[in-house]
Protein backbone atom coordinates (compact mmCIF):
# COMPACT_ATOMS: atom_id res chain seq x y z
CA MET A 1 109.89 70.71 99.79
CA ILE A 2 110.19 69.88 103.49
CA ARG A 3 112.07 73.15 104.14
CA ILE A 4 109.40 75.23 102.43
CA THR A 5 106.66 73.48 104.39
CA GLY A 6 108.58 74.01 107.64
CA LEU A 7 109.11 77.71 106.90
CA PHE A 8 105.44 78.11 106.04
CA ILE A 9 104.34 76.49 109.31
CA LEU A 10 106.77 78.68 111.27
CA PHE A 11 105.42 81.79 109.51
CA ILE A 12 101.81 80.82 110.34
CA LEU A 13 102.69 80.23 114.00
CA LEU A 14 104.51 83.55 114.30
CA THR A 15 101.70 85.53 112.68
CA GLY A 16 99.14 83.82 114.90
CA CYS A 17 101.00 85.07 117.98
CA ALA A 18 101.42 88.62 116.70
CA THR A 19 99.82 91.43 118.65
CA PRO A 20 99.45 95.05 117.68
CA GLU A 21 101.97 97.59 118.92
CA ALA A 22 100.83 100.37 121.23
CA GLU A 23 102.55 103.71 121.63
CA ILE A 24 101.26 105.40 124.77
CA LEU A 25 101.19 109.18 124.29
CA SER A 26 100.61 110.14 127.92
CA LYS A 27 103.12 108.81 130.44
CA THR A 28 101.16 110.14 133.44
CA ASP A 29 97.75 108.63 132.66
CA SER A 30 97.09 104.93 133.06
CA TYR A 31 93.72 103.25 132.90
CA PRO A 32 92.42 99.89 134.14
CA PRO A 33 91.51 97.30 131.47
CA THR A 34 88.07 97.72 129.92
CA VAL A 35 85.49 95.21 128.73
CA ASN A 36 83.77 96.71 125.68
CA ILE A 37 85.53 98.58 122.88
CA GLU A 38 83.82 100.58 120.15
CA VAL A 39 85.49 100.51 116.72
CA LEU A 40 84.93 103.87 115.01
CA LEU A 41 85.81 105.12 111.55
CA ASP A 42 85.14 108.82 112.31
CA ARG A 43 85.70 111.07 115.31
CA PRO A 44 82.91 110.70 117.88
CA THR A 45 80.65 113.61 118.76
CA ARG A 46 81.20 113.07 122.51
CA PRO A 47 84.29 114.66 124.09
CA PHE A 48 87.25 112.31 124.28
CA LYS A 49 90.95 112.14 125.03
CA SER A 50 93.34 110.33 122.69
CA PHE A 51 96.05 108.60 124.72
CA ALA A 52 97.65 105.92 122.50
CA ILE A 53 98.37 104.98 118.91
CA LEU A 54 97.90 101.33 117.94
CA GLU A 55 99.36 99.67 114.86
CA ASP A 56 98.67 96.20 113.47
CA THR A 57 100.80 94.76 110.66
CA SER A 58 99.76 91.10 110.91
CA GLY A 59 97.16 91.24 108.15
CA GLY A 60 94.04 89.16 107.78
CA THR A 61 90.41 90.06 107.34
CA PRO A 62 89.07 93.37 108.68
CA GLU A 63 87.29 91.46 111.47
CA GLU A 64 90.55 89.80 112.57
CA ILE A 65 92.46 93.10 112.48
CA ASN A 66 89.73 94.94 114.41
CA GLY A 67 89.63 92.08 116.93
CA ARG A 68 93.37 92.29 117.59
CA LEU A 69 93.24 96.09 117.87
CA SER A 70 90.25 95.85 120.22
CA ARG A 71 91.99 93.32 122.49
CA LYS A 72 95.05 95.57 122.73
CA ALA A 73 92.83 98.59 123.44
CA GLN A 74 91.08 96.63 126.21
CA GLN A 75 94.44 95.85 127.81
CA ILE A 76 95.47 99.51 127.94
CA GLY A 77 92.05 100.74 129.15
CA ALA A 78 90.55 102.43 126.09
CA ASP A 79 86.82 103.00 125.61
CA ALA A 80 87.05 103.07 121.81
CA ILE A 81 89.46 103.06 118.89
CA ILE A 82 89.32 105.31 115.84
CA ILE A 83 90.75 103.70 112.69
CA SER A 84 92.98 106.41 111.23
CA SER A 85 94.78 104.74 108.30
CA VAL A 86 94.96 101.52 106.31
CA ASN A 87 98.04 101.07 104.10
CA ASP A 88 99.03 98.19 101.85
CA LYS A 89 102.72 97.69 101.17
CA THR A 90 104.20 95.22 98.65
CA VAL A 91 107.60 93.75 99.50
CA THR A 92 109.68 91.46 97.30
CA GLU A 93 111.60 88.76 99.14
CA TRP A 94 114.07 86.39 97.50
CA LEU A 95 113.64 82.69 98.27
CA LEU A 96 116.53 80.28 97.82
CA VAL A 97 115.35 77.74 95.23
CA ASP A 98 118.23 75.26 94.90
CA PRO A 99 120.93 75.55 97.58
CA TYR A 100 122.95 72.68 96.05
CA TYR A 101 123.24 73.96 92.49
CA TYR A 102 126.73 73.83 91.00
CA SER A 103 127.67 75.26 87.65
CA ALA A 104 129.62 73.33 85.00
CA ARG A 105 132.88 74.72 86.43
CA GLY A 106 132.11 73.39 89.91
CA VAL A 107 131.41 76.80 91.39
CA TYR A 108 128.60 77.10 93.90
CA ARG A 109 125.93 79.43 92.51
CA PRO A 110 122.69 79.43 94.44
CA ARG A 111 119.48 80.24 92.58
CA TYR A 112 116.79 82.51 93.96
CA ARG A 113 113.25 83.40 92.93
CA PRO A 114 111.27 86.49 93.89
CA ILE A 115 108.17 86.23 96.04
CA GLN A 116 105.96 89.25 96.58
CA HIS A 117 104.15 89.73 99.89
CA VAL A 118 101.49 92.33 100.56
CA TYR A 119 101.47 93.64 104.12
CA ARG A 120 98.56 95.62 105.52
CA SER A 121 99.31 98.20 108.17
CA VAL A 122 96.32 99.50 110.14
CA ARG A 123 96.76 102.42 112.55
CA ALA A 124 94.20 103.45 115.14
CA ARG A 125 93.95 105.89 118.04
CA ALA A 126 92.92 104.58 121.44
CA ILE A 127 90.58 107.02 123.15
CA LYS A 128 88.97 107.51 126.53
CA PHE A 129 85.60 109.29 126.69
CA LEU A 130 85.50 112.30 129.03
CA LYS A 131 82.74 112.90 131.55
CA GLU A 132 80.38 115.61 130.40
């Protein structure tokens, strides 16, 4: 029980420190950090330039995900982000149940149980508004 609790605490700490990944599309353009970020679900009517793709796989509520994406967009100098896709993926992991289980013949046979995790992957485009 102590191992499971320890693994759970480690998992919580690692997911709390997770930040979204950013793939910069333009190697020549760099922008200073910004203060305010707009979170958009559709393309804006104003002219803009898309310069990075952000991806968050840490999960959580939509507000937490948008907050992490916005902080990353602020760091790279975006004016807004456009949420482009939200995907849920189910993964089965096998947890070792009894590492000290021995069969009647004295052979070590560990037992495992399946645990399903649902991961949410959110992708967004970081954009910079162009001067009209």
